[in-house]
C-alpha atoms as a PDB file:
ATOM      1  CA  MET A   1      11.335  -2.075   4.622  1.00  0.00           C
ATOM      2  CA  GLY A   2      14.953  -1.562   5.587  1.00  0.00           C
ATOM      3  CA  ALA A   3      18.167  -2.042   3.586  1.00  0.00           C
ATOM      4  CA  LEU A   4      18.291   1.725   3.714  1.00  0.00           C
ATOM      5  CA  HIS A   5      19.819   3.944   1.045  1.00  0.00           C
ATOM      6  CA  ALA A   6      20.152   7.672   0.360  1.00  0.00           C
ATOM      7  CA  GLY A   7      16.501   7.896  -0.698  1.00  0.00           C
ATOM      8  CA  HIS A   8      15.305   6.723   2.702  1.00  0.00           C
ATOM      9  CA  LEU A   9      17.702   9.071   4.473  1.00  0.00           C
ATOM     10  CA  ALA A  10      16.377  11.968   2.384  1.00  0.00           C
ATOM     11  CA  LEU A  11      12.932  11.198   3.816  1.00  0.00           C
ATOM     12  CA  VAL A  12      14.309  11.357   7.345  1.00  0.00           C
ATOM     13  CA  ARG A  13      16.081  14.653   6.712  1.00  0.00           C
ATOM     14  CA  ALA A  14      12.938  16.129   5.171  1.00  0.00           C
ATOM     15  CA  ALA A  15      10.840  14.872   8.092  1.00  0.00           C
ATOM     16  CA  HIS A  16      12.741  17.133  10.498  1.00  0.00           C
ATOM     17  CA  ALA A  17      11.070  20.111   8.813  1.00  0.00           C
ATOM     18  CA  HIS A  18       7.623  18.731   9.654  1.00  0.00           C
ATOM     19  CA  GLY A  19       7.887  17.957  13.358  1.00  0.00           C
ATOM     20  CA  ASP A  20       9.834  18.097  16.593  1.00  0.00           C
ATOM     21  CA  ALA A  21      10.649  14.386  16.592  1.00  0.00           C
ATOM     22  CA  VAL A  22      11.240  11.907  13.769  1.00  0.00           C
ATOM     23  CA  ALA A  23      10.314   8.239  13.985  1.00  0.00           C
ATOM     24  CA  VAL A  24      11.147   5.538  11.439  1.00  0.00           C
ATOM     25  CA  SER A  25       9.510   2.129  11.158  1.00  0.00           C
ATOM     26  CA  ILE A  26      11.322  -0.775   9.509  1.00  0.00           C
ATOM     27  CA  PHE A  27       9.376  -3.914   8.738  1.00  0.00           C
ATOM     28  CA  VAL A  28       9.678  -6.315   5.803  1.00  0.00           C
ATOM     29  CA  ASN A  29       5.967  -6.818   5.307  1.00  0.00           C
ATOM     30  CA  PRO A  30       5.085 -10.395   4.274  1.00  0.00           C
ATOM     31  CA  LEU A  31       1.515  -9.371   3.385  1.00  0.00           C
ATOM     32  CA  GLN A  32       2.637  -7.349   0.361  1.00  0.00           C
ATOM     33  CA  PHE A  33       4.780 -10.033  -1.292  1.00  0.00           C
ATOM     34  CA  ASN A  34       3.210 -12.231  -3.949  1.00  0.00           C
ATOM     35  CA  ASN A  35       6.423 -14.194  -4.397  1.00  0.00           C
ATOM     36  CA  LYS A  36       7.795 -16.082  -1.377  1.00  0.00           C
ATOM     37  CA  ASP A  37      11.234 -16.233  -2.987  1.00  0.00           C
ATOM     38  CA  ASP A  38      11.233 -12.444  -3.351  1.00  0.00           C
ATOM     39  CA  LEU A  39      10.349 -12.119   0.348  1.00  0.00           C
ATOM     40  CA  ALA A  40      13.121 -14.499   1.368  1.00  0.00           C
ATOM     41  CA  LYS A  41      15.742 -12.685  -0.716  1.00  0.00           C
ATOM     42  CA  TYR A  42      14.711  -9.145   0.201  1.00  0.00           C
ATOM     43  CA  PRO A  43      17.878  -7.493   1.609  1.00  0.00           C
ATOM     44  CA  ARG A  44      18.012  -7.031   5.369  1.00  0.00           C
ATOM     45  CA  HIS A  45      20.737  -5.029   7.170  1.00  0.00           C
ATOM     46  CA  PRO A  46      19.244  -4.056  10.548  1.00  0.00           C
ATOM     47  CA  GLU A  47      22.468  -3.011  12.292  1.00  0.00           C
ATOM     48  CA  GLU A  48      23.596  -0.893   9.340  1.00  0.00           C
ATOM     49  CA  ASP A  49      20.109   0.626   9.161  1.00  0.00           C
ATOM     50  CA  ARG A  50      20.261   1.612  12.831  1.00  0.00           C
ATOM     51  CA  ARG A  51      23.654   3.267  12.337  1.00  0.00           C
ATOM     52  CA  MET A  52      22.505   5.229   9.268  1.00  0.00           C
ATOM     53  CA  LEU A  53      19.327   6.418  10.969  1.00  0.00           C
ATOM     54  CA  SER A  54      21.245   7.574  14.028  1.00  0.00           C
ATOM     55  CA  GLU A  55      23.565   9.630  11.824  1.00  0.00           C
ATOM     56  CA  VAL A  56      20.652  11.572  10.291  1.00  0.00           C
ATOM     57  CA  GLY A  57      19.003  12.345  13.621  1.00  0.00           C
ATOM     58  CA  THR A  58      16.251   9.755  13.956  1.00  0.00           C
ATOM     59  CA  GLN A  59      14.875   9.941  17.496  1.00  0.00           C
ATOM     60  CA  MET A  60      12.680   6.827  17.436  1.00  0.00           C
ATOM     61  CA  LEU A  61      12.947   3.512  15.607  1.00  0.00           C
ATOM     62  CA  LEU A  62      10.196   0.892  15.489  1.00  0.00           C
ATOM     63  CA  MET A  63      11.525  -2.430  14.192  1.00  0.00           C
ATOM     64  CA  PRO A  64       8.944  -5.090  15.202  1.00  0.00           C
ATOM     65  CA  ASP A  65       9.050  -8.761  14.365  1.00  0.00           C
ATOM     66  CA  ASN A  66       6.100 -10.599  12.830  1.00  0.00           C
ATOM     67  CA  GLY A  67       4.913 -11.941  16.160  1.00  0.00           C
ATOM     68  CA  ALA A  68       4.730  -8.512  17.750  1.00  0.00           C
ATOM     69  CA  LEU A  69       3.087  -6.729  14.834  1.00  0.00           C
ATOM     70  CA  PHE A  70       0.559  -9.422  13.975  1.00  0.00           C
ATOM     71  CA  ARG A  71      -0.501 -10.420  17.502  1.00  0.00           C
ATOM     72  CA  ASN A  72      -4.326 -10.497  17.610  1.00  0.00           C
ATOM     73  CA  PHE A  73      -4.326  -9.426  13.962  1.00  0.00           C
ATOM     74  CA  THR A  74      -7.279  -9.921  11.631  1.00  0.00           C
ATOM     75  CA  PRO A  75      -6.703  -8.582   8.102  1.00  0.00           C
ATOM     76  CA  SER A  76      -9.075  -5.875   6.911  1.00  0.00           C
ATOM     77  CA  GLU A  77     -10.400  -5.430   3.379  1.00  0.00           C
ATOM     78  CA  TYR A  78     -10.124  -1.788   2.371  1.00  0.00           C
ATOM     79  CA  ASP A  79     -11.968   0.105  -0.337  1.00  0.00           C
ATOM     80  CA  LEU A  80      -9.076   1.252  -2.519  1.00  0.00           C
ATOM     81  CA  ASN A  81     -11.254   2.982  -5.099  1.00  0.00           C
ATOM     82  CA  GLY A  82     -10.018   0.725  -7.884  1.00  0.00           C
ATOM     83  CA  LEU A  83      -6.396   1.744  -7.377  1.00  0.00           C
ATOM     84  CA  ASP A  84      -5.538  -1.877  -6.602  1.00  0.00           C
ATOM     85  CA  GLY A  85      -6.758  -2.988 -10.043  1.00  0.00           C
ATOM     86  CA  LEU A  86      -4.219  -0.948 -12.016  1.00  0.00           C
ATOM     87  CA  MET A  87      -0.529  -1.381 -12.768  1.00  0.00           C
ATOM     88  CA  GLU A  88       1.091  -2.795  -9.605  1.00  0.00           C
ATOM     89  CA  GLY A  89      -2.287  -3.938  -8.356  1.00  0.00           C
ATOM     90  CA  ALA A  90      -3.011  -5.850 -11.560  1.00  0.00           C
ATOM     91  CA  SER A  91       0.461  -7.413 -11.622  1.00  0.00           C
ATOM     92  CA  ARG A  92       0.531  -8.193  -7.886  1.00  0.00           C
ATOM     93  CA  PRO A  93      -2.982  -9.105  -6.681  1.00  0.00           C
ATOM     94  CA  GLY A  94      -3.498  -8.369  -2.999  1.00  0.00           C
ATOM     95  CA  HIS A  95      -0.312  -6.317  -2.770  1.00  0.00           C
ATOM     96  CA  PHE A  96      -1.926  -3.029  -1.796  1.00  0.00           C
ATOM     97  CA  GLN A  97      -4.327  -4.628   0.678  1.00  0.00           C
ATOM     98  CA  GLY A  98      -1.218  -6.027   2.370  1.00  0.00           C
ATOM     99  CA  VAL A  99       0.482  -2.636   2.329  1.00  0.00           C
ATOM    100  CA  VAL A 100      -2.460  -0.785   3.892  1.00  0.00           C
ATOM    101  CA  ASN A 101      -3.070  -3.442   6.555  1.00  0.00           C
ATOM    102  CA  VAL A 102       0.475  -3.064   7.834  1.00  0.00           C
ATOM    103  CA  VAL A 103       0.655   0.711   7.385  1.00  0.00           C
ATOM    104  CA  GLU A 104      -2.452   1.085   9.546  1.00  0.00           C
ATOM    105  CA  ARG A 105      -0.851  -0.983  12.314  1.00  0.00           C
ATOM    106  CA  LEU A 106       2.386   0.986  12.102  1.00  0.00           C
ATOM    107  CA  PHE A 107       0.412   4.254  12.260  1.00  0.00           C
ATOM    108  CA  HIS A 108      -1.434   2.900  15.312  1.00  0.00           C
ATOM    109  CA  TYR A 109       1.784   2.159  17.187  1.00  0.00           C
ATOM    110  CA  VAL A 110       3.703   5.310  16.218  1.00  0.00           C
ATOM    111  CA  ARG A 111       0.774   7.790  16.073  1.00  0.00           C
ATOM    112  CA  PRO A 112       2.535  10.232  13.728  1.00  0.00           C
ATOM    113  CA  ASP A 113       1.173  13.661  12.815  1.00  0.00           C
ATOM    114  CA  VAL A 114       2.917  13.748   9.430  1.00  0.00           C
ATOM    115  CA  VAL A 115       4.200  10.804   7.375  1.00  0.00           C
ATOM    116  CA  LEU A 116       6.590  10.988   4.432  1.00  0.00           C
ATOM    117  CA  PHE A 117       6.541   8.467   1.584  1.00  0.00           C
ATOM    118  CA  GLY A 118       8.810   8.411  -1.445  1.00  0.00           C
ATOM    119  CA  GLU A 119       7.240   9.210  -4.812  1.00  0.00           C
ATOM    120  CA  LYS A 120       9.094   6.313  -6.448  1.00  0.00           C
ATOM    121  CA  ASP A 121       6.222   4.149  -5.205  1.00  0.00           C
ATOM    122  CA  ARG A 122       3.722   6.592  -6.703  1.00  0.00           C
ATOM    123  CA  GLN A 123       0.811   4.149  -6.721  1.00  0.00           C
ATOM    124  CA  GLN A 124       1.435   3.176  -3.104  1.00  0.00           C
ATOM    125  CA  LEU A 125       1.426   6.866  -2.186  1.00  0.00           C
ATOM    126  CA  ALA A 126      -1.917   7.339  -3.968  1.00  0.00           C
ATOM    127  CA  VAL A 127      -3.406   4.311  -2.206  1.00  0.00           C
ATOM    128  CA  ILE A 128      -2.329   5.501   1.234  1.00  0.00           C
ATOM    129  CA  ARG A 129      -3.596   9.020   0.570  1.00  0.00           C
ATOM    130  CA  HIS A 130      -6.954   7.628  -0.518  1.00  0.00           C
ATOM    131  CA  VAL A 131      -7.381   5.429   2.569  1.00  0.00           C
ATOM    132  CA  THR A 132      -6.190   8.201   4.881  1.00  0.00           C
ATOM    133  CA  ASN A 133      -8.806  10.575   3.473  1.00  0.00           C
ATOM    134  CA  GLN A 134     -11.554   7.978   3.323  1.00  0.00           C
ATOM    135  CA  LEU A 135     -11.091   6.743   6.902  1.00  0.00           C
ATOM    136  CA  ARG A 136     -10.151  10.189   8.234  1.00  0.00           C
ATOM    137  CA  TRP A 137      -6.921   9.000   9.786  1.00  0.00           C
ATOM    138  CA  PRO A 138      -5.472  11.911  11.806  1.00  0.00           C
ATOM    139  CA  VAL A 139      -2.269  12.120   9.799  1.00  0.00           C
ATOM    140  CA  LYS A 140      -0.931  14.248   6.949  1.00  0.00           C
ATOM    141  CA  ILE A 141       0.622  12.307   4.060  1.00  0.00           C
ATOM    142  CA  VAL A 142       3.558  14.010   2.312  1.00  0.00           C
ATOM    143  CA  GLY A 143       5.255  12.743  -0.837  1.00  0.00           C
ATOM    144  CA  HIS A 144       8.994  13.182  -1.334  1.00  0.00           C
ATOM    145  CA  PRO A 145      10.700  13.337  -4.755  1.00  0.00           C
ATOM    146  CA  THR A 146      12.487  10.244  -6.004  1.00  0.00           C
ATOM    147  CA  VAL A 147      16.223  10.157  -5.321  1.00  0.00           C
ATOM    148  CA  ARG A 148      18.342   8.856  -8.198  1.00  0.00           C
ATOM    149  CA  ASP A 149      21.853   7.712  -8.964  1.00  0.00           C
ATOM    150  CA  PRO A 150      23.783   9.956 -11.390  1.00  0.00           C
ATOM    151  CA  ASP A 151      22.746   7.753 -14.332  1.00  0.00           C
ATOM    152  CA  GLY A 152      19.067   8.223 -13.468  1.00  0.00           C
ATOM    153  CA  LEU A 153      18.287   4.881 -11.830  1.00  0.00           C
ATOM    154  CA  ALA A 154      15.815   5.386  -8.986  1.00  0.00           C
ATOM    155  CA  LEU A 155      17.337   4.294  -5.692  1.00  0.00           C
ATOM    156  CA  SER A 156      15.818   1.071  -4.374  1.00  0.00           C
ATOM    157  CA  SER A 157      16.843  -1.565  -1.869  1.00  0.00           C
ATOM    158  CA  ARG A 158      16.195  -4.108  -4.622  1.00  0.00           C
ATOM    159  CA  ASN A 159      19.021  -2.606  -6.695  1.00  0.00           C
ATOM    160  CA  GLN A 160      21.418  -4.464  -4.387  1.00  0.00           C
ATOM    161  CA  ARG A 161      20.343  -7.709  -6.055  1.00  0.00           C
ATOM    162  CA  LEU A 162      21.391  -6.582  -9.542  1.00  0.00           C
ATOM    163  CA  SER A 163      24.602  -7.962 -10.996  1.00  0.00           C
ATOM    164  CA  THR A 164      27.139  -5.521 -12.416  1.00  0.00           C
ATOM    165  CA  ALA A 165      25.853  -6.136 -15.947  1.00  0.00           C
ATOM    166  CA  GLU A 166      22.207  -5.819 -14.885  1.00  0.00           C
ATOM    167  CA  ARG A 167      22.952  -2.606 -13.025  1.00  0.00           C
ATOM    168  CA  GLN A 168      24.315  -1.136 -16.251  1.00  0.00           C
ATOM    169  CA  LEU A 169      21.075  -2.024 -18.056  1.00  0.00           C
ATOM    170  CA  ALA A 170      18.663  -0.769 -15.375  1.00  0.00           C
ATOM    171  CA  PRO A 171      18.797   2.991 -16.187  1.00  0.00           C
ATOM    172  CA  VAL A 172      16.971   2.217 -19.446  1.00  0.00           C
ATOM    173  CA  LEU A 173      13.740   2.499 -17.425  1.00  0.00           C
ATOM    174  CA  TYR A 174      14.447   6.152 -16.672  1.00  0.00           C
ATOM    175  CA  ARG A 175      15.508   6.831 -20.239  1.00  0.00           C
ATOM    176  CA  ALA A 176      12.247   5.339 -21.491  1.00  0.00           C
ATOM    177  CA  LEU A 177      10.265   7.607 -19.170  1.00  0.00           C
ATOM    178  CA  ASN A 178      12.168  10.606 -20.459  1.00  0.00           C
ATOM    179  CA  ALA A 179      11.529   9.553 -24.060  1.00  0.00           C
ATOM    180  CA  ILE A 180       7.833   9.718 -23.212  1.00  0.00           C
ATOM    181  CA  LYS A 181       8.287  13.085 -21.521  1.00  0.00           C
ATOM    182  CA  ASP A 182      10.039  14.507 -24.597  1.00  0.00           C
ATOM    183  CA  SER A 183       7.085  13.467 -26.784  1.00  0.00           C
ATOM    184  CA  SER A 184       4.281  14.392 -24.408  1.00  0.00           C
ATOM    185  CA  PHE A 185       1.878  17.183 -25.415  1.00  0.00           C
ATOM    186  CA  ILE A 186       3.502  17.081 -28.875  1.00  0.00           C
ATOM    187  CA  LEU A 187       2.604  13.606 -30.125  1.00  0.00           C
ATOM    188  CA  SER A 188      -0.532  11.672 -29.186  1.00  0.00           C
ATOM    189  CA  VAL A 189      -0.589   9.777 -25.889  1.00  0.00           C
ATOM    190  CA  GLU A 190      -0.158   6.474 -27.730  1.00  0.00           C
ATOM    191  CA  ASP A 191       2.722   7.783 -29.837  1.00  0.00           C
ATOM    192  CA  ALA A 192       4.451   9.189 -26.754  1.00  0.00           C
ATOM    193  CA  LEU A 193       4.180   5.762 -25.113  1.00  0.00           C
ATOM    194  CA  GLU A 194       5.487   4.154 -28.286  1.00  0.00           C
ATOM    195  CA  ALA A 195       8.587   6.346 -28.060  1.00  0.00           C
ATOM    196  CA  GLY A 196       9.273   4.819 -24.658  1.00  0.00           C
ATOM    197  CA  ARG A 197       8.582   1.283 -25.852  1.00  0.00           C
ATOM    198  CA  GLN A 198      10.928   1.701 -28.803  1.00  0.00           C
ATOM    199  CA  LEU A 199      13.748   2.806 -26.544  1.00  0.00           C
ATOM    200  CA  LEU A 200      13.162  -0.194 -24.271  1.00  0.00           C
ATOM    201  CA  ALA A 201      13.187  -2.507 -27.291  1.00  0.00           C
ATOM    202  CA  GLU A 202      16.856  -1.650 -27.732  1.00  0.00           C
ATOM    203  CA  THR A 203      17.510  -3.580 -24.486  1.00  0.00           C
ATOM    204  CA  PRO A 204      15.587  -6.831 -25.069  1.00  0.00           C
ATOM    205  CA  SER A 205      16.879  -8.466 -21.886  1.00  0.00           C
ATOM    206  CA  VAL A 206      14.806  -5.939 -19.895  1.00  0.00           C
ATOM    207  CA  GLU A 207      11.306  -7.436 -19.780  1.00  0.00           C
ATOM    208  CA  LEU A 208       8.568  -4.803 -19.715  1.00  0.00           C
ATOM    209  CA  ASP A 209       5.521  -5.327 -17.494  1.00  0.00           C
ATOM    210  CA  TYR A 210       3.740  -2.025 -18.103  1.00  0.00           C
ATOM    211  CA  LEU A 211       4.437   1.453 -19.407  1.00  0.00           C
ATOM    212  CA  THR A 212       1.616   3.948 -19.082  1.00  0.00           C
ATOM    213  CA  LEU A 213       0.561   7.591 -18.855  1.00  0.00           C
ATOM    214  CA  VAL A 214      -2.019   8.437 -16.203  1.00  0.00           C
ATOM    215  CA  HIS A 215      -3.814  11.300 -14.486  1.00  0.00           C
ATOM    216  CA  PRO A 216      -1.790  12.341 -11.393  1.00  0.00           C
ATOM    217  CA  GLY A 217      -4.751  12.218  -9.002  1.00  0.00           C
ATOM    218  CA  THR A 218      -6.759   9.186 -10.080  1.00  0.00           C
ATOM    219  CA  LEU A 219      -3.956   7.243 -11.803  1.00  0.00           C
ATOM    220  CA  GLN A 220      -6.446   6.404 -14.542  1.00  0.00           C
ATOM    221  CA  PRO A 221      -4.864   5.948 -18.002  1.00  0.00           C
ATOM    222  CA  LEU A 222      -4.870   8.954 -20.305  1.00  0.00           C
ATOM    223  CA  GLU A 223      -6.549   8.661 -23.690  1.00  0.00           C
ATOM    224  CA  ASN A 224      -5.577  12.101 -25.016  1.00  0.00           C
ATOM    225  CA  TRP A 225      -4.067  15.399 -23.894  1.00  0.00           C
ATOM    226  CA  GLU A 226      -7.291  17.397 -23.928  1.00  0.00           C
ATOM    227  CA  GLY A 227      -7.474  19.539 -20.784  1.00  0.00           C
ATOM    228  CA  VAL A 228      -4.416  17.813 -19.299  1.00  0.00           C
ATOM    229  CA  GLN A 229      -1.828  20.039 -17.633  1.00  0.00           C
ATOM    230  CA  GLU A 230       0.020  17.332 -15.719  1.00  0.00           C
ATOM    231  CA  ALA A 231       0.492  13.588 -16.172  1.00  0.00           C
ATOM    232  CA  VAL A 232       2.523  10.783 -14.667  1.00  0.00           C
ATOM    233  CA  ALA A 233       4.459   8.227 -16.720  1.00  0.00           C
ATOM    234  CA  LEU A 234       4.971   4.932 -14.883  1.00  0.00           C
ATOM    235  CA  ILE A 235       6.973   1.832 -15.719  1.00  0.00           C
ATOM    236  CA  ALA A 236       7.623  -1.624 -14.282  1.00  0.00           C
ATOM    237  CA  ALA A 237      10.114  -4.062 -15.774  1.00  0.00           C
ATOM    238  CA  GLN A 238      12.101  -7.143 -14.891  1.00  0.00           C
ATOM    239  CA  VAL A 239      15.875  -6.727 -14.922  1.00  0.00           C
ATOM    240  CA  GLY A 240      17.480 -10.081 -14.202  1.00  0.00           C
ATOM    241  CA  PRO A 241      15.957 -11.373 -10.952  1.00  0.00           C
ATOM    242  CA  VAL A 242      14.679  -7.961  -9.898  1.00  0.00           C
ATOM    243  CA  ARG A 243      11.408  -6.219 -10.673  1.00  0.00           C
ATOM    244  CA  LEU A 244      11.980  -2.468 -10.842  1.00  0.00           C
ATOM    245  CA  ILE A 245       9.453   0.369 -10.895  1.00  0.00           C
ATOM    246  CA  ASP A 246       9.833   4.053 -11.650  1.00  0.00           C
ATOM    247  CA  ASN A 247       7.809   7.113 -12.624  1.00  0.00           C
ATOM    248  CA  ILE A 248       8.158  10.772 -13.547  1.00  0.00           C
ATOM    249  CA  THR A 249       5.757  13.701 -13.494  1.00  0.00           C
ATOM    250  CA  ILE A 250       5.219  15.491 -16.797  1.00  0.00           C
ATOM    251  CA  THR A 251       3.826  19.022 -17.035  1.00  0.00           C
ATOM    252  CA  ARG A 252       2.676  21.001 -20.014  1.00  0.00           C
END
């Protein structure tokens, strides 16, 4: 959605290994915002974005306005296999329907063979993979590892809205995920989650939305470690005016 950072540019660099030409779409999608104020304040730097993309070898850039993208548009209702009822879906009703509606239109205009999405939005990646498989879209979906600042904070365009003090607090999300990782497969699932919650409690100004351990494929919550070789810990929390999300993969 623009306001590009090193995480986005890592996607572009990685994309060169998957094809002869790399295209990037930039569109601040109104369908996926539940909060009009959040949409209005979402950072937009189109000229800077163009410059950054040119420097990393982007051959094509699609940057439509609402009128162009939504001309003759009728929203579809997709079967998301329950993925829109969990975590981000539960906190932001309609969000993933809005994401998929616009992603399908962008795919239609660009017609990519391979598409890269960052794993920071792990649930979004799962949703798009599900719809791609279900509807047999002729595209391969590739996830790319989350890019982080040295203190562990996952790069996000929304980080630009954090004050200096809030930016210093934000890495607690990553530390909480790692507290869970350190306890996973040793303590029970609930006790591992409690380790993360306790760490977050040390920063009461960070307001937790959810903290959970799930199966990597289905994103369904784990009840125990029986038969589990890999899990994903996910978090969403409010830091000042900004809602941040993050996740890490945990292996036995």
